[in-house]
C-alpha atoms as a PDB file:
ATOM      1  CA  MET A   1      -7.226  -1.763  -8.922  1.00  0.00           C
ATOM      2  CA  PHE A   2     -10.290   0.389  -9.755  1.00  0.00           C
ATOM      3  CA  GLY A   3     -11.869   3.160  -7.649  1.00  0.00           C
ATOM      4  CA  LEU A   4     -14.634   2.081  -5.250  1.00  0.00           C
ATOM      5  CA  SER A   5     -17.201   4.249  -3.741  1.00  0.00           C
ATOM      6  CA  ASN A   6     -17.781   4.262  -0.044  1.00  0.00           C
ATOM      7  CA  SER A   7     -21.310   3.014  -0.703  1.00  0.00           C
ATOM      8  CA  ILE A   8     -20.213  -0.414  -2.323  1.00  0.00           C
ATOM      9  CA  ARG A   9     -20.825  -3.681  -0.566  1.00  0.00           C
ATOM     10  CA  VAL A  10     -17.976  -6.084  -0.395  1.00  0.00           C
ATOM     11  CA  PHE A  11     -18.635  -9.727   0.343  1.00  0.00           C
ATOM     12  CA  LEU A  12     -15.751 -12.307   1.075  1.00  0.00           C
ATOM     13  CA  ALA A  13     -16.267 -15.863   0.018  1.00  0.00           C
ATOM     14  CA  VAL A  14     -14.895 -17.837   2.960  1.00  0.00           C
ATOM     15  CA  GLU A  15     -14.477 -21.101   1.254  1.00  0.00           C
ATOM     16  CA  PRO A  16     -11.400 -21.259  -1.155  1.00  0.00           C
ATOM     17  CA  VAL A  17     -12.240 -21.265  -4.733  1.00  0.00           C
ATOM     18  CA  ASP A  18     -10.514 -22.652  -7.726  1.00  0.00           C
ATOM     19  CA  LEU A  19      -9.217 -19.389  -9.314  1.00  0.00           C
ATOM     20  CA  ARG A  20      -8.873 -20.896 -12.613  1.00  0.00           C
ATOM     21  CA  LYS A  21     -12.509 -19.825 -12.883  1.00  0.00           C
ATOM     22  CA  SER A  22     -13.362 -16.837 -15.015  1.00  0.00           C
ATOM     23  CA  PHE A  23     -16.375 -14.706 -15.279  1.00  0.00           C
ATOM     24  CA  ASN A  24     -18.946 -17.481 -15.762  1.00  0.00           C
ATOM     25  CA  GLY A  25     -17.441 -19.764 -13.042  1.00  0.00           C
ATOM     26  CA  LEU A  26     -17.293 -17.040 -10.425  1.00  0.00           C
ATOM     27  CA  HIS A  27     -20.786 -15.872 -11.612  1.00  0.00           C
ATOM     28  CA  CYS A  28     -22.081 -19.356 -10.734  1.00  0.00           C
ATOM     29  CA  VAL A  29     -20.229 -19.494  -7.371  1.00  0.00           C
ATOM     30  CA  VAL A  30     -21.912 -16.209  -6.393  1.00  0.00           C
ATOM     31  CA  GLN A  31     -25.259 -17.568  -7.369  1.00  0.00           C
ATOM     32  CA  ASP A  32     -25.099 -21.111  -6.130  1.00  0.00           C
ATOM     33  CA  ARG A  33     -22.944 -20.977  -3.063  1.00  0.00           C
ATOM     34  CA  LEU A  34     -23.418 -17.371  -1.729  1.00  0.00           C
ATOM     35  CA  ASN A  35     -27.024 -17.064  -2.973  1.00  0.00           C
ATOM     36  CA  GLU A  36     -26.455 -13.560  -4.213  1.00  0.00           C
ATOM     37  CA  ASP A  37     -27.018 -11.738  -7.509  1.00  0.00           C
ATOM     38  CA  PRO A  38     -23.640 -11.216  -9.243  1.00  0.00           C
ATOM     39  CA  CYS A  39     -25.113  -8.138 -11.134  1.00  0.00           C
ATOM     40  CA  SER A  40     -26.234  -6.358  -7.902  1.00  0.00           C
ATOM     41  CA  GLY A  41     -23.286  -4.031  -7.847  1.00  0.00           C
ATOM     42  CA  THR A  42     -21.672  -5.778  -4.910  1.00  0.00           C
ATOM     43  CA  LEU A  43     -17.961  -6.744  -5.096  1.00  0.00           C
ATOM     44  CA  PHE A  44     -17.347 -10.403  -4.442  1.00  0.00           C
ATOM     45  CA  VAL A  45     -13.885 -11.405  -3.116  1.00  0.00           C
ATOM     46  CA  PHE A  46     -12.488 -15.015  -3.452  1.00  0.00           C
ATOM     47  CA  THR A  47      -9.288 -16.594  -2.447  1.00  0.00           C
ATOM     48  CA  ASN A  48      -7.380 -19.875  -3.213  1.00  0.00           C
ATOM     49  CA  ARG A  49      -6.454 -22.563  -0.655  1.00  0.00           C
ATOM     50  CA  ARG A  50      -2.849 -21.141   0.015  1.00  0.00           C
ATOM     51  CA  LYS A  51      -4.599 -17.561   0.336  1.00  0.00           C
ATOM     52  CA  ASN A  52      -1.775 -16.067  -1.630  1.00  0.00           C
ATOM     53  CA  ARG A  53      -4.174 -14.909  -4.435  1.00  0.00           C
ATOM     54  CA  ILE A  54      -7.328 -12.879  -4.343  1.00  0.00           C
ATOM     55  CA  LYS A  55      -9.896 -12.722  -7.229  1.00  0.00           C
ATOM     56  CA  THR A  56     -12.677 -10.271  -7.332  1.00  0.00           C
ATOM     57  CA  LEU A  57     -15.928 -10.223  -9.442  1.00  0.00           C
ATOM     58  CA  TYR A  58     -17.752  -6.960  -9.726  1.00  0.00           C
ATOM     59  CA  TRP A  59     -20.597  -5.722 -12.024  1.00  0.00           C
ATOM     60  CA  ASP A  60     -20.388  -1.927 -12.804  1.00  0.00           C
ATOM     61  CA  GLY A  61     -23.586  -1.534 -14.637  1.00  0.00           C
ATOM     62  CA  THR A  62     -22.232  -2.123 -18.060  1.00  0.00           C
ATOM     63  CA  GLY A  63     -20.159  -5.205 -17.655  1.00  0.00           C
ATOM     64  CA  MET A  64     -18.427  -7.719 -15.371  1.00  0.00           C
ATOM     65  CA  TRP A  65     -14.943  -7.066 -13.919  1.00  0.00           C
ATOM     66  CA  VAL A  66     -12.586  -9.697 -12.859  1.00  0.00           C
ATOM     67  CA  ALA A  67      -9.329  -8.712 -11.213  1.00  0.00           C
ATOM     68  CA  ILE A  68      -6.675 -10.803  -9.456  1.00  0.00           C
ATOM     69  CA  LYS A  69      -3.721 -10.106  -7.034  1.00  0.00           C
ATOM     70  CA  ARG A  70      -0.995 -12.716  -6.392  1.00  0.00           C
ATOM     71  CA  LEU A  71       1.402 -12.265  -3.519  1.00  0.00           C
ATOM     72  CA  GLU A  72       4.926 -12.983  -3.980  1.00  0.00           C
ATOM     73  CA  LYS A  73       5.492 -13.702  -0.332  1.00  0.00           C
ATOM     74  CA  GLY A  74       3.131 -14.359   2.488  1.00  0.00           C
ATOM     75  CA  CYS A  75      -0.730 -14.729   2.526  1.00  0.00           C
ATOM     76  CA  PHE A  76      -3.772 -12.612   2.967  1.00  0.00           C
ATOM     77  CA  SER A  77      -5.465 -12.685   6.259  1.00  0.00           C
ATOM     78  CA  TRP A  78      -8.817 -14.406   5.754  1.00  0.00           C
ATOM     79  CA  PRO A  79     -11.672 -15.149   8.023  1.00  0.00           C
ATOM     80  CA  HIS A  80     -11.908 -18.747   9.371  1.00  0.00           C
ATOM     81  CA  GLY A  81     -14.294 -20.441  11.740  1.00  0.00           C
ATOM     82  CA  VAL A  82     -17.247 -19.068   9.747  1.00  0.00           C
ATOM     83  CA  GLY A  83     -19.723 -21.214   8.129  1.00  0.00           C
ATOM     84  CA  ALA A  84     -19.026 -22.173   4.510  1.00  0.00           C
ATOM     85  CA  ASP A  85     -22.275 -20.586   3.288  1.00  0.00           C
ATOM     86  CA  GLU A  86     -21.677 -17.252   5.114  1.00  0.00           C
ATOM     87  CA  LYS A  87     -20.268 -14.238   3.489  1.00  0.00           C
ATOM     88  CA  PRO A  88     -18.653 -11.785   5.807  1.00  0.00           C
ATOM     89  CA  SER A  89     -18.844  -8.176   4.470  1.00  0.00           C
ATOM     90  CA  LEU A  90     -16.121  -5.587   4.560  1.00  0.00           C
ATOM     91  CA  ALA A  91     -16.258  -1.823   4.131  1.00  0.00           C
ATOM     92  CA  PRO A  92     -14.279  -0.703   0.947  1.00  0.00           C
ATOM     93  CA  GLU A  93     -11.465   0.598   3.242  1.00  0.00           C
ATOM     94  CA  GLY A  94     -11.303  -2.804   4.839  1.00  0.00           C
ATOM     95  CA  LEU A  95     -10.819  -4.369   1.469  1.00  0.00           C
ATOM     96  CA  ALA A  96      -8.062  -1.761   0.720  1.00  0.00           C
ATOM     97  CA  LEU A  97      -6.434  -2.741   3.948  1.00  0.00           C
ATOM     98  CA  LEU A  98      -6.614  -6.449   3.209  1.00  0.00           C
ATOM     99  CA  LEU A  99      -5.129  -5.946  -0.265  1.00  0.00           C
ATOM    100  CA  ASP A 100      -2.332  -3.821   1.264  1.00  0.00           C
ATOM    101  CA  GLY A 101      -1.224  -6.511   3.564  1.00  0.00           C
ATOM    102  CA  VAL A 102      -2.816  -5.523   6.829  1.00  0.00           C
ATOM    103  CA  ASP A 103      -3.917  -8.264   9.155  1.00  0.00           C
ATOM    104  CA  LEU A 104      -7.534  -7.182   9.799  1.00  0.00           C
ATOM    105  CA  LYS A 105      -7.969  -9.182  13.012  1.00  0.00           C
ATOM    106  CA  GLN A 106      -4.822  -7.860  14.652  1.00  0.00           C
ATOM    107  CA  GLY A 107      -4.795  -4.435  12.987  1.00  0.00           C
ATOM    108  CA  SER A 108      -1.063  -4.788  12.127  1.00  0.00           C
ATOM    109  CA  LEU A 109       0.946  -5.205   9.018  1.00  0.00           C
ATOM    110  CA  LYS A 110       1.860  -8.686   7.979  1.00  0.00           C
ATOM    111  CA  PRO A 111       5.612  -9.453   8.413  1.00  0.00           C
ATOM    112  CA  TRP A 112       6.211  -9.559   4.671  1.00  0.00           C
ATOM    113  CA  TYR A 113       4.798  -6.191   4.070  1.00  0.00           C
ATOM    114  CA  GLN A 114       7.123  -3.520   2.636  1.00  0.00           C
ATOM    115  CA  ARG A 115       6.368   0.062   1.587  1.00  0.00           C
END
């Protein structure tokens, strides 16, 4: 992905999103559902219903980034039991662990993870 400083804020959108959305669609989700400013420098992380894809939206000061990761096996560990309008935050290190296949709740590698 791209380098993230330790001071960056990361929000997870709890509810699944149609990942066919691009810049403008995700921009609207951030404004309308999460009630946040997409150009604030916060990294917003979305997933699909099957939780095998993650898409991020990030404003770096000069333009908007959209990045996606698709898992070939397994799914990402994702918070549940949280209100639809809530947005749990993660440290950048937590995002790196999530993207690398670590179950954040258990603190262990997912069964499909391989080095």
